[in-house]
Amino acid sequence: MNLLGEWTAAACAELGVDAEDVDRATVLAIARDSARSVARPAAPLTAYLLGVAVGRGVPVKEAADRLAKLMASWPRIDWRD
């Protein structure tokens, strides 16, 4: 297990979350995409909002797809300017 896997397992244990229920790849992808599409600070907030939606019963793939669709329509800003 790598460091991220160890952290995930420890954080899940601390929070009483079944690590098998965590779709780490989807969470990391949505955070990466929001950081690139919206702004870097959007990454943790978007990941949190994904978690809130899942906690309220929205399937993780559906919530991620909805966020991805929103990001695709978001105005692009060239952060290099």
Protein backbone atom coordinates (compact mmCIF):
# COMPACT_ATOMS: atom_id res chain seq x y z
CA MET A 1 0.00 0.00 0.00
CA ASN A 2 1.27 3.48 -0.82
CA LEU A 3 1.13 6.56 1.38
CA LEU A 4 -2.18 7.75 -0.09
CA GLY A 5 -3.70 4.33 0.44
CA GLU A 6 -2.47 4.29 4.03
CA TRP A 7 -3.86 7.77 4.64
CA THR A 8 -7.21 6.81 3.10
CA ALA A 9 -7.44 3.71 5.28
CA ALA A 10 -6.49 5.62 8.43
CA ALA A 11 -8.87 8.51 7.71
CA CYS A 12 -11.71 6.09 6.96
CA ALA A 13 -11.06 4.22 10.20
CA GLU A 14 -11.00 7.49 12.15
CA LEU A 15 -14.30 8.64 10.61
CA GLY A 16 -16.03 5.26 10.74
CA VAL A 17 -16.24 5.06 6.94
CA ASP A 18 -15.87 1.76 5.11
CA ALA A 19 -12.80 2.22 2.89
CA GLU A 20 -14.41 -0.06 0.31
CA ASP A 21 -17.08 2.61 -0.18
CA VAL A 22 -14.53 5.27 -1.12
CA ASP A 23 -14.09 5.87 -4.85
CA ARG A 24 -10.70 7.50 -4.51
CA ALA A 25 -10.06 7.73 -8.26
CA THR A 26 -13.30 9.65 -8.86
CA VAL A 27 -12.69 12.04 -5.97
CA LEU A 28 -9.12 12.74 -7.10
CA ALA A 29 -10.21 13.21 -10.72
CA ILE A 30 -12.98 15.67 -9.85
CA ALA A 31 -10.58 17.62 -7.60
CA ARG A 32 -7.93 17.72 -10.33
CA ASP A 33 -10.40 18.80 -12.98
CA SER A 34 -11.93 21.54 -10.84
CA ALA A 35 -8.47 22.86 -10.00
CA ARG A 36 -7.67 23.07 -13.70
CA SER A 37 -11.08 24.21 -14.96
CA VAL A 38 -12.22 26.61 -12.27
CA ALA A 39 -9.39 27.57 -9.91
CA ARG A 40 -6.96 25.70 -7.70
CA PRO A 41 -8.89 26.49 -4.52
CA ALA A 42 -11.97 24.91 -6.11
CA ALA A 43 -10.41 21.44 -5.77
CA PRO A 44 -10.97 20.82 -2.05
CA LEU A 45 -14.32 22.59 -2.09
CA THR A 46 -15.54 20.55 -5.06
CA ALA A 47 -14.37 17.32 -3.43
CA TYR A 48 -16.21 18.29 -0.26
CA LEU A 49 -19.39 19.11 -2.20
CA LEU A 50 -19.13 15.75 -3.96
CA GLY A 51 -18.97 14.11 -0.54
CA VAL A 52 -21.96 16.07 0.73
CA ALA A 53 -23.99 15.00 -2.30
CA VAL A 54 -22.99 11.36 -1.83
CA GLY A 55 -23.81 11.60 1.86
CA ARG A 56 -27.27 12.78 0.88
CA GLY A 57 -27.80 9.77 -1.34
CA VAL A 58 -26.61 10.83 -4.80
CA PRO A 59 -24.51 8.02 -6.33
CA VAL A 60 -20.86 9.08 -6.59
CA LYS A 61 -20.66 8.56 -10.37
CA GLU A 62 -23.83 10.61 -10.93
CA ALA A 63 -22.62 13.44 -8.70
CA ALA A 64 -19.20 13.44 -10.39
CA ASP A 65 -20.78 13.44 -13.84
CA ARG A 66 -22.98 16.37 -12.91
CA LEU A 67 -20.00 18.32 -11.61
CA ALA A 68 -17.98 17.44 -14.72
CA LYS A 69 -20.80 18.72 -16.92
CA LEU A 70 -20.90 21.96 -14.93
CA MET A 71 -17.13 22.36 -15.23
CA ALA A 72 -17.29 21.77 -18.99
CA SER A 73 -19.68 24.71 -19.31
CA TRP A 74 -17.68 26.93 -16.95
CA PRO A 75 -15.88 29.89 -18.59
CA ARG A 76 -12.26 29.01 -19.30
CA ILE A 77 -9.65 31.31 -17.87
CA ASP A 78 -6.03 31.18 -18.92
CA TRP A 79 -4.33 31.34 -15.53
CA ARG A 80 -0.97 32.02 -17.18
CA ASP A 81 -1.98 35.64 -17.91
